[in-house]
N, C-alpha and C. Protein backbone atom coordinates (compact mmCIF):
# COMPACT_ATOMS: atom_id res chain seq x y z
N MET A 1 33.83 95.44 100.48
CA MET A 1 34.05 96.52 99.54
C MET A 1 32.74 97.00 98.94
N LEU A 2 31.82 96.10 98.64
CA LEU A 2 30.55 96.50 98.03
C LEU A 2 29.82 97.51 98.88
N GLY A 3 29.82 97.31 100.18
CA GLY A 3 29.16 98.25 101.08
C GLY A 3 29.78 99.63 100.98
N SER A 4 31.10 99.72 100.88
CA SER A 4 31.75 101.03 100.81
C SER A 4 31.46 101.73 99.49
N VAL A 5 31.35 100.99 98.41
CA VAL A 5 30.99 101.58 97.11
C VAL A 5 29.58 102.13 97.18
N ARG A 6 28.67 101.37 97.76
CA ARG A 6 27.28 101.82 97.91
C ARG A 6 27.22 103.07 98.78
N ASP A 7 27.95 103.08 99.88
CA ASP A 7 27.96 104.24 100.77
C ASP A 7 28.49 105.47 100.06
N CYS A 8 29.54 105.30 99.28
CA CYS A 8 30.12 106.42 98.53
C CYS A 8 29.13 106.94 97.51
N ARG A 9 28.51 106.04 96.76
CA ARG A 9 27.54 106.45 95.74
C ARG A 9 26.38 107.20 96.37
N GLN A 10 25.92 106.71 97.52
CA GLN A 10 24.80 107.37 98.18
C GLN A 10 25.21 108.73 98.73
N SER A 11 26.44 108.88 99.18
CA SER A 11 26.87 110.19 99.69
C SER A 11 27.00 111.19 98.56
N LEU A 12 27.26 110.72 97.34
CA LEU A 12 27.37 111.62 96.19
C LEU A 12 26.02 111.91 95.55
N PHE A 13 25.16 110.89 95.43
CA PHE A 13 23.93 111.03 94.67
C PHE A 13 22.66 110.90 95.51
N GLY A 14 22.77 110.62 96.79
CA GLY A 14 21.61 110.50 97.65
C GLY A 14 21.17 109.05 97.81
N PRO A 15 20.20 108.83 98.70
CA PRO A 15 19.80 107.47 99.04
C PRO A 15 19.14 106.70 97.90
N SER A 16 18.65 107.36 96.87
CA SER A 16 17.99 106.64 95.78
C SER A 16 18.98 106.19 94.71
N ALA A 17 20.28 106.31 94.95
CA ALA A 17 21.29 105.98 93.94
C ALA A 17 21.27 104.51 93.53
N ASP A 18 20.79 103.63 94.39
CA ASP A 18 20.79 102.21 94.08
C ASP A 18 19.52 101.76 93.37
N ARG A 19 18.54 102.62 93.26
CA ARG A 19 17.29 102.26 92.60
C ARG A 19 17.35 102.72 91.14
N VAL A 20 16.81 101.91 90.25
CA VAL A 20 16.76 102.24 88.83
C VAL A 20 15.41 102.87 88.53
N HIS A 21 15.45 104.01 87.87
CA HIS A 21 14.23 104.72 87.52
C HIS A 21 14.10 104.79 86.00
N ASP A 22 12.88 104.74 85.50
CA ASP A 22 12.66 104.85 84.06
C ASP A 22 13.06 106.23 83.56
N HIS A 23 12.70 107.23 84.30
CA HIS A 23 13.06 108.60 83.94
C HIS A 23 12.94 109.45 85.19
N GLY A 24 13.45 110.64 85.10
CA GLY A 24 13.36 111.53 86.24
C GLY A 24 14.51 112.51 86.24
N GLU A 25 14.45 113.39 87.17
CA GLU A 25 15.51 114.37 87.31
C GLU A 25 16.43 113.93 88.44
N TYR A 26 17.69 114.08 88.22
CA TYR A 26 18.69 113.71 89.21
C TYR A 26 19.50 114.94 89.56
N SER A 27 19.98 114.98 90.76
CA SER A 27 20.85 116.07 91.16
C SER A 27 21.88 115.53 92.14
N LEU A 28 22.99 116.24 92.23
CA LEU A 28 24.05 115.84 93.14
C LEU A 28 23.77 116.37 94.54
N THR A 29 24.25 115.64 95.52
CA THR A 29 24.20 116.13 96.89
C THR A 29 25.27 117.21 97.03
N GLU A 30 25.33 117.82 98.19
CA GLU A 30 26.35 118.84 98.45
C GLU A 30 27.76 118.24 98.31
N VAL A 31 27.92 117.00 98.79
CA VAL A 31 29.23 116.33 98.67
C VAL A 31 29.56 116.10 97.19
N GLY A 32 28.61 115.60 96.43
CA GLY A 32 28.84 115.39 95.00
C GLY A 32 29.11 116.69 94.28
N GLU A 33 28.38 117.73 94.63
CA GLU A 33 28.56 119.04 94.00
C GLU A 33 29.96 119.59 94.27
N SER A 34 30.53 119.25 95.42
CA SER A 34 31.87 119.75 95.75
C SER A 34 32.93 119.19 94.80
N LEU A 35 32.60 118.12 94.07
CA LEU A 35 33.55 117.53 93.10
C LEU A 35 33.48 118.20 91.73
N ARG A 36 32.52 119.10 91.53
CA ARG A 36 32.33 119.72 90.22
C ARG A 36 33.61 120.37 89.67
N PRO A 37 34.38 121.14 90.46
CA PRO A 37 35.62 121.73 89.91
C PRO A 37 36.61 120.68 89.40
N ILE A 38 36.69 119.55 90.07
CA ILE A 38 37.60 118.48 89.64
C ILE A 38 37.10 117.87 88.33
N ILE A 39 35.81 117.61 88.25
CA ILE A 39 35.23 117.03 87.03
C ILE A 39 35.37 118.00 85.86
N ASP A 40 35.13 119.29 86.11
CA ASP A 40 35.29 120.29 85.04
C ASP A 40 36.73 120.36 84.56
N ALA A 41 37.69 120.29 85.49
CA ALA A 41 39.10 120.31 85.11
C ALA A 41 39.47 119.08 84.29
N MET A 42 38.93 117.91 84.67
CA MET A 42 39.19 116.69 83.89
C MET A 42 38.58 116.79 82.50
N LYS A 43 37.41 117.39 82.38
CA LYS A 43 36.76 117.57 81.08
C LYS A 43 37.60 118.49 80.20
N THR A 44 38.08 119.59 80.78
CA THR A 44 38.92 120.53 80.03
C THR A 44 40.19 119.83 79.55
N TRP A 45 40.83 119.07 80.44
CA TRP A 45 42.04 118.34 80.06
C TRP A 45 41.73 117.35 78.95
N GLY A 46 40.64 116.61 79.07
CA GLY A 46 40.28 115.61 78.07
C GLY A 46 40.02 116.23 76.70
N ASN A 47 39.32 117.36 76.70
CA ASN A 47 39.06 118.05 75.43
C ASN A 47 40.36 118.52 74.79
N HIS A 48 41.25 119.07 75.60
CA HIS A 48 42.54 119.53 75.09
C HIS A 48 43.35 118.34 74.54
N TYR A 49 43.38 117.25 75.28
CA TYR A 49 44.12 116.06 74.85
C TYR A 49 43.56 115.53 73.54
N ARG A 50 42.23 115.45 73.45
CA ARG A 50 41.59 114.96 72.23
C ARG A 50 41.93 115.86 71.03
N ASN A 51 41.87 117.16 71.24
CA ASN A 51 42.17 118.09 70.15
C ASN A 51 43.63 118.02 69.71
N GLU A 52 44.52 117.79 70.66
CA GLU A 52 45.94 117.70 70.34
C GLU A 52 46.30 116.39 69.63
N HIS A 53 45.55 115.34 69.87
CA HIS A 53 45.90 114.03 69.33
C HIS A 53 44.95 113.56 68.23
N GLU A 54 43.95 114.33 67.92
CA GLU A 54 43.04 114.07 66.80
C GLU A 54 42.68 112.59 66.63
N PHE A 55 41.89 112.07 67.52
CA PHE A 55 41.48 110.66 67.43
C PHE A 55 40.55 110.50 66.28
């Protein structure tokens, strides 16, 4: 399973995903970028849920 998690992370964030950097700019690969609409929809839902339930 560990190998598949690493492969998935690298397909989303590129081959340097397993290295820790002090600072730098990061960007998504084309595969990772294709998930942006899903992530944006989840953010919208989360904001709406939070506002409705006033945590």
